[in-house]
Amino acid sequence: EPVREIIPVGNVIGLHLKSGLEKFSKVIVTTGGQPKLDGFKWLSDLGHNIVEPVPSLFTFNMPKNPITKLMGLSVPNATVRVQGSKLMQSEPLLITHWGMSGPAVLKTSAWGARVLHELNYQFVAHINWLGDVKDHEVRELIQEVQSASPKKQIKNLCPFELPQRLWDFHLEQCEIISDKPWAELSKKHINKLIEVLTNDQYSVSGKTTFKEEFVTAGGIDLADVDFNTMESRKVPGLFFAGEVLNIDGVTGGFNFQAAWTTGFIAGKHCLI
């Protein structure tokens, strides 16, 4: 039966149901996150401070960008940086039919949930397809290839750990004739290739939730909760667990673990 309202009654918690008011000595709230602030009004009415909820753990939309033709392709270690911020993550990256995903993007979205919300999910993502390899290191590798294999066709000899389809894509980006030998690659094209490999730029316009999950940053202010018991500091006998709290983690099971752990602690202390 749906709970219409929580009403503290003396030293017990009253739940206003359709059938009337039921009283309990202890109540655990595990309602999960809410996409909008008004979804927490019933808890703020009890005196709790609410941290405004914003989406977390989402992928980057890049509408009509040619990179999406490589959907399904992944890079083992790429660095994602958000222009104009300190956000940066180095992890595997996945190209999708709508843009980019994978741990590098998902972790960026988690750590930068509020920053990206303030940007209205309109920003420029800088991609280093080689992880933390610097531009001067790329130049040295190219020079080594030109010296060791000058007659090899550029398309057939990629000196970097990149999928062939992505290598072909970058050569086209740089307007490099792919069947040209390495010895004939001009300084202009070398500079362009270095820029694309270490500082490729993509306009992001919007987000997509990760699979069918929707994680929010925000919720009950952690200062309002005793984490030894998960009991509210505002309403004795009321406990919280899971994403209703201002807790969100990066991809990798951390949100599940937070829910399990806080639920265990709350349940344990409700039995005391």
C-alpha atoms as a PDB file:
ATOM      1  CA  GLU A   1       0.000   0.000   0.000  1.00  0.00           C
ATOM      2  CA  PRO A   2       1.501   3.409  -0.971  1.00  0.00           C
ATOM      3  CA  VAL A   3       2.760   5.639   1.837  1.00  0.00           C
ATOM      4  CA  ARG A   4       1.252   9.096   1.501  1.00  0.00           C
ATOM      5  CA  GLU A   5       3.218  10.769   4.265  1.00  0.00           C
ATOM      6  CA  ILE A   6       5.651  10.099   7.106  1.00  0.00           C
ATOM      7  CA  ILE A   7       4.459  11.642  10.370  1.00  0.00           C
ATOM      8  CA  PRO A   8       6.632  11.556  13.520  1.00  0.00           C
ATOM      9  CA  VAL A   9       4.318  10.849  16.434  1.00  0.00           C
ATOM     10  CA  GLY A  10       6.112  11.190  19.752  1.00  0.00           C
ATOM     11  CA  ASN A  11       8.854   8.548  19.810  1.00  0.00           C
ATOM     12  CA  VAL A  12       7.375   6.493  16.953  1.00  0.00           C
ATOM     13  CA  ILE A  13       7.063   6.928  13.174  1.00  0.00           C
ATOM     14  CA  GLY A  14       3.596   7.224  11.692  1.00  0.00           C
ATOM     15  CA  LEU A  15       2.968   6.150   8.106  1.00  0.00           C
ATOM     16  CA  HIS A  16      -0.105   7.711   6.547  1.00  0.00           C
ATOM     17  CA  LEU A  17      -1.632   5.037   4.330  1.00  0.00           C
ATOM     18  CA  LYS A  18      -4.865   4.950   2.359  1.00  0.00           C
ATOM     19  CA  SER A  19      -6.339   2.775   5.080  1.00  0.00           C
ATOM     20  CA  GLY A  20      -5.250   5.110   7.875  1.00  0.00           C
ATOM     21  CA  LEU A  21      -2.266   5.842  10.121  1.00  0.00           C
ATOM     22  CA  GLU A  22       0.054   2.972  11.047  1.00  0.00           C
ATOM     23  CA  LYS A  23       2.698   3.441  13.748  1.00  0.00           C
ATOM     24  CA  PHE A  24       6.157   1.837  13.843  1.00  0.00           C
ATOM     25  CA  SER A  25       9.097   2.153  16.194  1.00  0.00           C
ATOM     26  CA  LYS A  26      11.554   2.244  13.285  1.00  0.00           C
ATOM     27  CA  VAL A  27      11.243   2.814   9.527  1.00  0.00           C
ATOM     28  CA  ILE A  28      13.860   2.437   6.764  1.00  0.00           C
ATOM     29  CA  VAL A  29      13.554   4.604   3.632  1.00  0.00           C
ATOM     30  CA  THR A  30      15.016   2.909   0.527  1.00  0.00           C
ATOM     31  CA  THR A  31      13.151   4.758  -2.221  1.00  0.00           C
ATOM     32  CA  GLY A  32      16.208   5.357  -4.414  1.00  0.00           C
ATOM     33  CA  GLY A  33      17.251   8.511  -6.214  1.00  0.00           C
ATOM     34  CA  GLN A  34      14.909  11.047  -7.754  1.00  0.00           C
ATOM     35  CA  PRO A  35      15.577  12.982 -10.961  1.00  0.00           C
ATOM     36  CA  LYS A  36      14.046  16.204  -9.597  1.00  0.00           C
ATOM     37  CA  LEU A  37      14.254  18.097  -6.317  1.00  0.00           C
ATOM     38  CA  ASP A  38      10.507  17.955  -5.694  1.00  0.00           C
ATOM     39  CA  GLY A  39      10.805  14.164  -5.522  1.00  0.00           C
ATOM     40  CA  PHE A  40      12.416  14.683  -2.104  1.00  0.00           C
ATOM     41  CA  LYS A  41       9.862  17.198  -0.788  1.00  0.00           C
ATOM     42  CA  TRP A  42       8.272  14.667   1.569  1.00  0.00           C
ATOM     43  CA  LEU A  43      11.683  14.207   3.217  1.00  0.00           C
ATOM     44  CA  SER A  44      12.609  17.887   3.264  1.00  0.00           C
ATOM     45  CA  ASP A  45       9.243  18.538   4.976  1.00  0.00           C
ATOM     46  CA  LEU A  46      10.610  16.460   7.868  1.00  0.00           C
ATOM     47  CA  GLY A  47      13.529  18.882   8.208  1.00  0.00           C
ATOM     48  CA  HIS A  48      16.120  17.106   6.076  1.00  0.00           C
ATOM     49  CA  ASN A  49      18.477  19.074   3.875  1.00  0.00           C
ATOM     50  CA  ILE A  50      18.413  17.897   0.255  1.00  0.00           C
ATOM     51  CA  VAL A  51      21.368  18.139  -2.127  1.00  0.00           C
ATOM     52  CA  GLU A  52      19.912  18.889  -5.554  1.00  0.00           C
ATOM     53  CA  PRO A  53      19.880  15.724  -7.697  1.00  0.00           C
ATOM     54  CA  VAL A  54      21.664  15.639 -11.051  1.00  0.00           C
ATOM     55  CA  PRO A  55      22.261  12.700 -13.433  1.00  0.00           C
ATOM     56  CA  SER A  56      25.430  10.671 -13.079  1.00  0.00           C
ATOM     57  CA  LEU A  57      26.913   7.735 -15.019  1.00  0.00           C
ATOM     58  CA  PHE A  58      25.945   8.663 -18.556  1.00  0.00           C
ATOM     59  CA  THR A  59      27.479   8.461 -22.006  1.00  0.00           C
ATOM     60  CA  PHE A  60      28.304  11.294 -24.424  1.00  0.00           C
ATOM     61  CA  ASN A  61      26.062  12.073 -27.378  1.00  0.00           C
ATOM     62  CA  MET A  62      27.813  13.245 -30.560  1.00  0.00           C
ATOM     63  CA  PRO A  63      25.009  13.636 -33.110  1.00  0.00           C
ATOM     64  CA  LYS A  64      25.973  12.986 -36.741  1.00  0.00           C
ATOM     65  CA  ASN A  65      29.688  12.827 -35.936  1.00  0.00           C
ATOM     66  CA  PRO A  66      31.558  10.547 -38.399  1.00  0.00           C
ATOM     67  CA  ILE A  67      33.214   8.741 -35.462  1.00  0.00           C
ATOM     68  CA  THR A  68      29.900   6.939 -34.846  1.00  0.00           C
ATOM     69  CA  LYS A  69      30.499   4.918 -38.036  1.00  0.00           C
ATOM     70  CA  LEU A  70      33.032   2.999 -35.934  1.00  0.00           C
ATOM     71  CA  MET A  71      30.361   1.899 -33.417  1.00  0.00           C
ATOM     72  CA  GLY A  72      31.368  -1.152 -31.418  1.00  0.00           C
ATOM     73  CA  LEU A  73      35.058  -0.347 -31.623  1.00  0.00           C
ATOM     74  CA  SER A  74      36.968   0.041 -28.362  1.00  0.00           C
ATOM     75  CA  VAL A  75      40.362   1.423 -27.385  1.00  0.00           C
ATOM     76  CA  PRO A  76      42.127  -0.194 -24.393  1.00  0.00           C
ATOM     77  CA  ASN A  77      43.372   3.055 -22.886  1.00  0.00           C
ATOM     78  CA  ALA A  78      42.297   6.549 -23.860  1.00  0.00           C
ATOM     79  CA  THR A  79      42.280   9.792 -21.927  1.00  0.00           C
ATOM     80  CA  VAL A  80      39.097  11.876 -21.897  1.00  0.00           C
ATOM     81  CA  ARG A  81      39.319  15.526 -20.889  1.00  0.00           C
ATOM     82  CA  VAL A  82      36.502  18.079 -20.732  1.00  0.00           C
ATOM     83  CA  GLN A  83      37.502  21.449 -22.176  1.00  0.00           C
ATOM     84  CA  GLY A  84      37.486  24.277 -19.642  1.00  0.00           C
ATOM     85  CA  SER A  85      37.505  21.984 -16.607  1.00  0.00           C
ATOM     86  CA  LYS A  86      39.833  19.780 -14.583  1.00  0.00           C
ATOM     87  CA  LEU A  87      37.880  16.634 -15.489  1.00  0.00           C
ATOM     88  CA  MET A  88      40.111  13.923 -16.934  1.00  0.00           C
ATOM     89  CA  GLN A  89      39.999  10.111 -16.910  1.00  0.00           C
ATOM     90  CA  SER A  90      42.192   7.461 -18.534  1.00  0.00           C
ATOM     91  CA  GLU A  91      40.380   4.160 -19.081  1.00  0.00           C
ATOM     92  CA  PRO A  92      39.068   1.997 -21.945  1.00  0.00           C
ATOM     93  CA  LEU A  93      36.820   3.911 -24.351  1.00  0.00           C
ATOM     94  CA  LEU A  94      33.970   2.541 -26.466  1.00  0.00           C
ATOM     95  CA  ILE A  95      32.596   4.155 -29.633  1.00  0.00           C
ATOM     96  CA  THR A  96      28.821   3.772 -29.964  1.00  0.00           C
ATOM     97  CA  HIS A  97      26.199   4.566 -32.587  1.00  0.00           C
ATOM     98  CA  TRP A  98      25.357   7.765 -30.657  1.00  0.00           C
ATOM     99  CA  GLY A  99      28.832   8.851 -29.538  1.00  0.00           C
ATOM    100  CA  MET A 100      31.187   7.558 -26.853  1.00  0.00           C
ATOM    101  CA  SER A 101      30.909   5.349 -23.783  1.00  0.00           C
ATOM    102  CA  GLY A 102      33.094   2.938 -21.817  1.00  0.00           C
ATOM    103  CA  PRO A 103      34.781   3.414 -18.418  1.00  0.00           C
ATOM    104  CA  ALA A 104      36.690   6.551 -19.491  1.00  0.00           C
ATOM    105  CA  VAL A 105      33.459   8.368 -20.365  1.00  0.00           C
ATOM    106  CA  LEU A 106      31.317   6.918 -17.571  1.00  0.00           C
ATOM    107  CA  LYS A 107      33.848   7.820 -14.889  1.00  0.00           C
ATOM    108  CA  THR A 108      34.174  11.317 -16.335  1.00  0.00           C
ATOM    109  CA  SER A 109      30.393  11.703 -16.124  1.00  0.00           C
ATOM    110  CA  ALA A 110      30.348  10.431 -12.532  1.00  0.00           C
ATOM    111  CA  TRP A 111      33.136  12.653 -11.205  1.00  0.00           C
ATOM    112  CA  GLY A 112      31.878  15.584 -13.267  1.00  0.00           C
ATOM    113  CA  ALA A 113      28.127  15.135 -12.750  1.00  0.00           C
ATOM    114  CA  ARG A 114      27.570  18.660 -11.439  1.00  0.00           C
ATOM    115  CA  VAL A 115      30.065  20.371 -13.735  1.00  0.00           C
ATOM    116  CA  LEU A 116      28.502  18.806 -16.834  1.00  0.00           C
ATOM    117  CA  HIS A 117      24.994  19.581 -15.553  1.00  0.00           C
ATOM    118  CA  GLU A 118      25.976  23.248 -15.258  1.00  0.00           C
ATOM    119  CA  LEU A 119      27.216  23.101 -18.868  1.00  0.00           C
ATOM    120  CA  ASN A 120      23.804  21.707 -19.869  1.00  0.00           C
ATOM    121  CA  TYR A 121      25.691  18.736 -21.368  1.00  0.00           C
ATOM    122  CA  GLN A 122      27.054  20.944 -24.164  1.00  0.00           C
ATOM    123  CA  PHE A 123      30.848  20.854 -24.194  1.00  0.00           C
ATOM    124  CA  VAL A 124      33.973  19.797 -26.067  1.00  0.00           C
ATOM    125  CA  ALA A 125      35.631  16.503 -25.182  1.00  0.00           C
ATOM    126  CA  HIS A 126      39.371  16.160 -25.866  1.00  0.00           C
ATOM    127  CA  ILE A 127      40.509  12.603 -26.560  1.00  0.00           C
ATOM    128  CA  ASN A 128      44.034  11.291 -26.347  1.00  0.00           C
ATOM    129  CA  TRP A 129      43.658   7.969 -28.147  1.00  0.00           C
ATOM    130  CA  LEU A 130      47.029   6.838 -26.795  1.00  0.00           C
ATOM    131  CA  GLY A 131      46.275   7.342 -23.101  1.00  0.00           C
ATOM    132  CA  ASP A 132      48.977   9.423 -21.449  1.00  0.00           C
ATOM    133  CA  VAL A 133      51.443   9.387 -24.360  1.00  0.00           C
ATOM    134  CA  LYS A 134      52.719  12.921 -25.049  1.00  0.00           C
ATOM    135  CA  ASP A 135      52.949  14.583 -28.453  1.00  0.00           C
ATOM    136  CA  HIS A 136      56.766  14.582 -28.445  1.00  0.00           C
ATOM    137  CA  GLU A 137      56.727  10.819 -27.828  1.00  0.00           C
ATOM    138  CA  VAL A 138      54.396  10.340 -30.787  1.00  0.00           C
ATOM    139  CA  ARG A 139      56.734  12.400 -32.957  1.00  0.00           C
ATOM    140  CA  GLU A 140      59.685  10.226 -31.918  1.00  0.00           C
ATOM    141  CA  LEU A 141      57.761   7.040 -32.778  1.00  0.00           C
ATOM    142  CA  ILE A 142      56.855   8.402 -36.200  1.00  0.00           C
ATOM    143  CA  GLN A 143      60.474   9.342 -36.863  1.00  0.00           C
ATOM    144  CA  GLU A 144      61.573   5.838 -35.852  1.00  0.00           C
ATOM    145  CA  VAL A 145      59.094   4.269 -38.290  1.00  0.00           C
ATOM    146  CA  GLN A 146      60.177   6.582 -41.090  1.00  0.00           C
ATOM    147  CA  SER A 147      63.780   5.589 -40.455  1.00  0.00           C
ATOM    148  CA  ALA A 148      63.245   1.852 -39.966  1.00  0.00           C
ATOM    149  CA  SER A 149      60.500   1.232 -42.552  1.00  0.00           C
ATOM    150  CA  PRO A 150      60.519   4.141 -45.026  1.00  0.00           C
ATOM    151  CA  LYS A 151      58.908   2.144 -47.868  1.00  0.00           C
ATOM    152  CA  LYS A 152      56.099   0.642 -45.822  1.00  0.00           C
ATOM    153  CA  GLN A 153      52.644   1.964 -46.625  1.00  0.00           C
ATOM    154  CA  ILE A 154      51.271   4.116 -43.818  1.00  0.00           C
ATOM    155  CA  LYS A 155      47.980   2.222 -43.662  1.00  0.00           C
ATOM    156  CA  ASN A 156      49.775  -1.109 -43.220  1.00  0.00           C
ATOM    157  CA  LEU A 157      52.121  -0.044 -40.442  1.00  0.00           C
ATOM    158  CA  CYS A 158      50.532   1.612 -37.435  1.00  0.00           C
ATOM    159  CA  PRO A 159      53.160   2.218 -34.733  1.00  0.00           C
ATOM    160  CA  PHE A 160      50.485   2.655 -32.066  1.00  0.00           C
ATOM    161  CA  GLU A 161      48.163   0.262 -30.227  1.00  0.00           C
ATOM    162  CA  LEU A 162      45.050   1.243 -32.165  1.00  0.00           C
ATOM    163  CA  PRO A 163      42.420  -0.839 -33.972  1.00  0.00           C
ATOM    164  CA  GLN A 164      42.965  -0.818 -37.748  1.00  0.00           C
ATOM    165  CA  ARG A 165      39.586   0.806 -38.412  1.00  0.00           C
ATOM    166  CA  LEU A 166      40.419   3.675 -36.077  1.00  0.00           C
ATOM    167  CA  TRP A 167      43.859   4.079 -37.664  1.00  0.00           C
ATOM    168  CA  ASP A 168      42.224   4.282 -41.104  1.00  0.00           C
ATOM    169  CA  PHE A 169      39.718   6.806 -39.728  1.00  0.00           C
ATOM    170  CA  HIS A 170      42.486   9.028 -38.372  1.00  0.00           C
ATOM    171  CA  LEU A 171      44.419   8.925 -41.638  1.00  0.00           C
ATOM    172  CA  GLU A 172      41.281  10.094 -43.431  1.00  0.00           C
ATOM    173  CA  GLN A 173      40.770  12.797 -40.790  1.00  0.00           C
ATOM    174  CA  CYS A 174      44.268  14.087 -41.491  1.00  0.00           C
ATOM    175  CA  GLU A 175      43.783  13.850 -45.280  1.00  0.00           C
ATOM    176  CA  ILE A 176      46.738  11.485 -45.488  1.00  0.00           C
ATOM    177  CA  ILE A 177      46.900   9.225 -48.542  1.00  0.00           C
ATOM    178  CA  SER A 178      46.922   5.873 -46.791  1.00  0.00           C
ATOM    179  CA  ASP A 179      48.909   3.909 -49.390  1.00  0.00           C
ATOM    180  CA  LYS A 180      51.707   6.481 -49.364  1.00  0.00           C
ATOM    181  CA  PRO A 181      55.035   5.229 -47.903  1.00  0.00           C
ATOM    182  CA  TRP A 182      56.076   6.538 -44.503  1.00  0.00           C
ATOM    183  CA  ALA A 183      59.121   8.270 -45.996  1.00  0.00           C
ATOM    184  CA  GLU A 184      56.859  10.608 -47.990  1.00  0.00           C
ATOM    185  CA  LEU A 185      54.760  11.796 -45.050  1.00  0.00           C
ATOM    186  CA  SER A 186      55.116  15.586 -44.898  1.00  0.00           C
ATOM    187  CA  LYS A 187      55.793  17.625 -41.754  1.00  0.00           C
ATOM    188  CA  LYS A 188      52.352  19.197 -42.102  1.00  0.00           C
ATOM    189  CA  HIS A 189      50.656  15.802 -42.063  1.00  0.00           C
ATOM    190  CA  ILE A 190      52.868  14.596 -39.216  1.00  0.00           C
ATOM    191  CA  ASN A 191      51.819  17.586 -37.092  1.00  0.00           C
ATOM    192  CA  LYS A 192      48.168  17.003 -37.943  1.00  0.00           C
ATOM    193  CA  LEU A 193      48.406  13.291 -37.101  1.00  0.00           C
ATOM    194  CA  ILE A 194      50.061  14.044 -33.752  1.00  0.00           C
ATOM    195  CA  GLU A 195      47.299  16.537 -32.916  1.00  0.00           C
ATOM    196  CA  VAL A 196      44.537  14.052 -33.786  1.00  0.00           C
ATOM    197  CA  LEU A 197      46.116  11.185 -31.858  1.00  0.00           C
ATOM    198  CA  THR A 198      46.814  13.153 -28.668  1.00  0.00           C
ATOM    199  CA  ASN A 199      44.222  15.944 -28.690  1.00  0.00           C
ATOM    200  CA  ASP A 200      41.267  14.928 -30.851  1.00  0.00           C
ATOM    201  CA  GLN A 201      38.235  17.141 -30.235  1.00  0.00           C
ATOM    202  CA  TYR A 202      34.550  16.236 -30.303  1.00  0.00           C
ATOM    203  CA  SER A 203      31.491  18.389 -29.641  1.00  0.00           C
ATOM    204  CA  VAL A 204      29.190  16.712 -27.132  1.00  0.00           C
ATOM    205  CA  SER A 205      25.518  17.582 -27.240  1.00  0.00           C
ATOM    206  CA  GLY A 206      23.497  15.766 -24.624  1.00  0.00           C
ATOM    207  CA  LYS A 207      23.769  12.509 -22.742  1.00  0.00           C
ATOM    208  CA  THR A 208      22.412   8.985 -22.739  1.00  0.00           C
ATOM    209  CA  THR A 209      21.932   6.914 -19.596  1.00  0.00           C
ATOM    210  CA  PHE A 210      24.203   3.910 -19.218  1.00  0.00           C
ATOM    211  CA  LYS A 211      22.217   0.860 -20.387  1.00  0.00           C
ATOM    212  CA  GLU A 212      18.903   1.104 -18.503  1.00  0.00           C
ATOM    213  CA  GLU A 213      20.439   2.358 -15.295  1.00  0.00           C
ATOM    214  CA  PHE A 214      19.913   5.893 -14.093  1.00  0.00           C
ATOM    215  CA  VAL A 215      22.144   7.014 -11.247  1.00  0.00           C
ATOM    216  CA  THR A 216      21.731  10.387  -9.613  1.00  0.00           C
ATOM    217  CA  ALA A 217      24.119  12.443  -7.557  1.00  0.00           C
ATOM    218  CA  GLY A 218      22.222  14.200  -4.785  1.00  0.00           C
ATOM    219  CA  GLY A 219      19.636  13.311  -2.165  1.00  0.00           C
ATOM    220  CA  ILE A 220      19.597  13.377   1.639  1.00  0.00           C
ATOM    221  CA  ASP A 221      22.510  15.483   2.875  1.00  0.00           C
ATOM    222  CA  LEU A 222      24.992  13.118   4.521  1.00  0.00           C
ATOM    223  CA  ALA A 223      25.356  15.508   7.456  1.00  0.00           C
ATOM    224  CA  ASP A 224      21.760  14.636   8.370  1.00  0.00           C
ATOM    225  CA  VAL A 225      22.565  10.935   8.831  1.00  0.00           C
ATOM    226  CA  ASP A 226      24.508   9.029  11.504  1.00  0.00           C
ATOM    227  CA  PHE A 227      26.574   6.633   9.376  1.00  0.00           C
ATOM    228  CA  ASN A 228      27.213   4.348  12.324  1.00  0.00           C
ATOM    229  CA  THR A 229      23.535   3.406  12.281  1.00  0.00           C
ATOM    230  CA  MET A 230      22.104   5.105   9.133  1.00  0.00           C
ATOM    231  CA  GLU A 231      19.571   6.838  11.414  1.00  0.00           C
ATOM    232  CA  SER A 232      18.328  10.321  10.625  1.00  0.00           C
ATOM    233  CA  ARG A 233      19.714  13.073  12.854  1.00  0.00           C
ATOM    234  CA  LYS A 234      16.463  14.980  12.273  1.00  0.00           C
ATOM    235  CA  VAL A 235      13.871  12.277  12.948  1.00  0.00           C
ATOM    236  CA  PRO A 236      14.757   9.577  15.499  1.00  0.00           C
ATOM    237  CA  GLY A 237      13.638   6.125  14.376  1.00  0.00           C
ATOM    238  CA  LEU A 238      13.875   6.985  10.677  1.00  0.00           C
ATOM    239  CA  PHE A 239      16.683   5.295   8.762  1.00  0.00           C
ATOM    240  CA  PHE A 240      18.014   5.651   5.216  1.00  0.00           C
ATOM    241  CA  ALA A 241      19.782   3.307   2.795  1.00  0.00           C
ATOM    242  CA  GLY A 242      20.788   3.354  -0.851  1.00  0.00           C
ATOM    243  CA  GLU A 243      20.595   6.060  -3.447  1.00  0.00           C
ATOM    244  CA  VAL A 244      18.079   8.184  -1.542  1.00  0.00           C
ATOM    245  CA  LEU A 245      21.253   9.442   0.153  1.00  0.00           C
ATOM    246  CA  ASN A 246      23.646  11.864  -1.503  1.00  0.00           C
ATOM    247  CA  ILE A 247      25.878   8.978  -2.574  1.00  0.00           C
ATOM    248  CA  ASP A 248      26.823   7.975  -6.103  1.00  0.00           C
ATOM    249  CA  GLY A 249      29.757   5.979  -7.358  1.00  0.00           C
ATOM    250  CA  VAL A 250      31.585   5.337 -10.596  1.00  0.00           C
ATOM    251  CA  THR A 251      30.840   2.308 -12.751  1.00  0.00           C
ATOM    252  CA  GLY A 252      32.050  -1.017 -11.411  1.00  0.00           C
ATOM    253  CA  GLY A 253      29.449  -2.055  -8.843  1.00  0.00           C
ATOM    254  CA  PHE A 254      30.095   0.744  -6.358  1.00  0.00           C
ATOM    255  CA  ASN A 255      26.477   1.944  -6.358  1.00  0.00           C
ATOM    256  CA  PHE A 256      25.262  -1.581  -5.647  1.00  0.00           C
ATOM    257  CA  GLN A 257      27.808  -1.921  -2.853  1.00  0.00           C
ATOM    258  CA  ALA A 258      26.721   1.381  -1.305  1.00  0.00           C
ATOM    259  CA  ALA A 259      23.093   0.210  -1.335  1.00  0.00           C
ATOM    260  CA  TRP A 260      23.948  -3.199   0.159  1.00  0.00           C
ATOM    261  CA  THR A 261      26.206  -1.780   2.867  1.00  0.00           C
ATOM    262  CA  THR A 262      23.916   1.051   3.995  1.00  0.00           C
ATOM    263  CA  GLY A 263      20.958  -1.342   3.879  1.00  0.00           C
ATOM    264  CA  PHE A 264      22.797  -3.855   6.063  1.00  0.00           C
ATOM    265  CA  ILE A 265      23.757  -1.224   8.626  1.00  0.00           C
ATOM    266  CA  ALA A 266      20.237   0.241   8.760  1.00  0.00           C
ATOM    267  CA  GLY A 267      18.624  -3.181   9.049  1.00  0.00           C
ATOM    268  CA  LYS A 268      21.032  -4.292  11.773  1.00  0.00           C
ATOM    269  CA  HIS A 269      20.304  -1.255  13.933  1.00  0.00           C
ATOM    270  CA  CYS A 270      16.575  -1.470  13.414  1.00  0.00           C
ATOM    271  CA  LEU A 271      16.700  -4.861  15.149  1.00  0.00           C
ATOM    272  CA  ILE A 272      18.432  -3.502  18.226  1.00  0.00           C
END
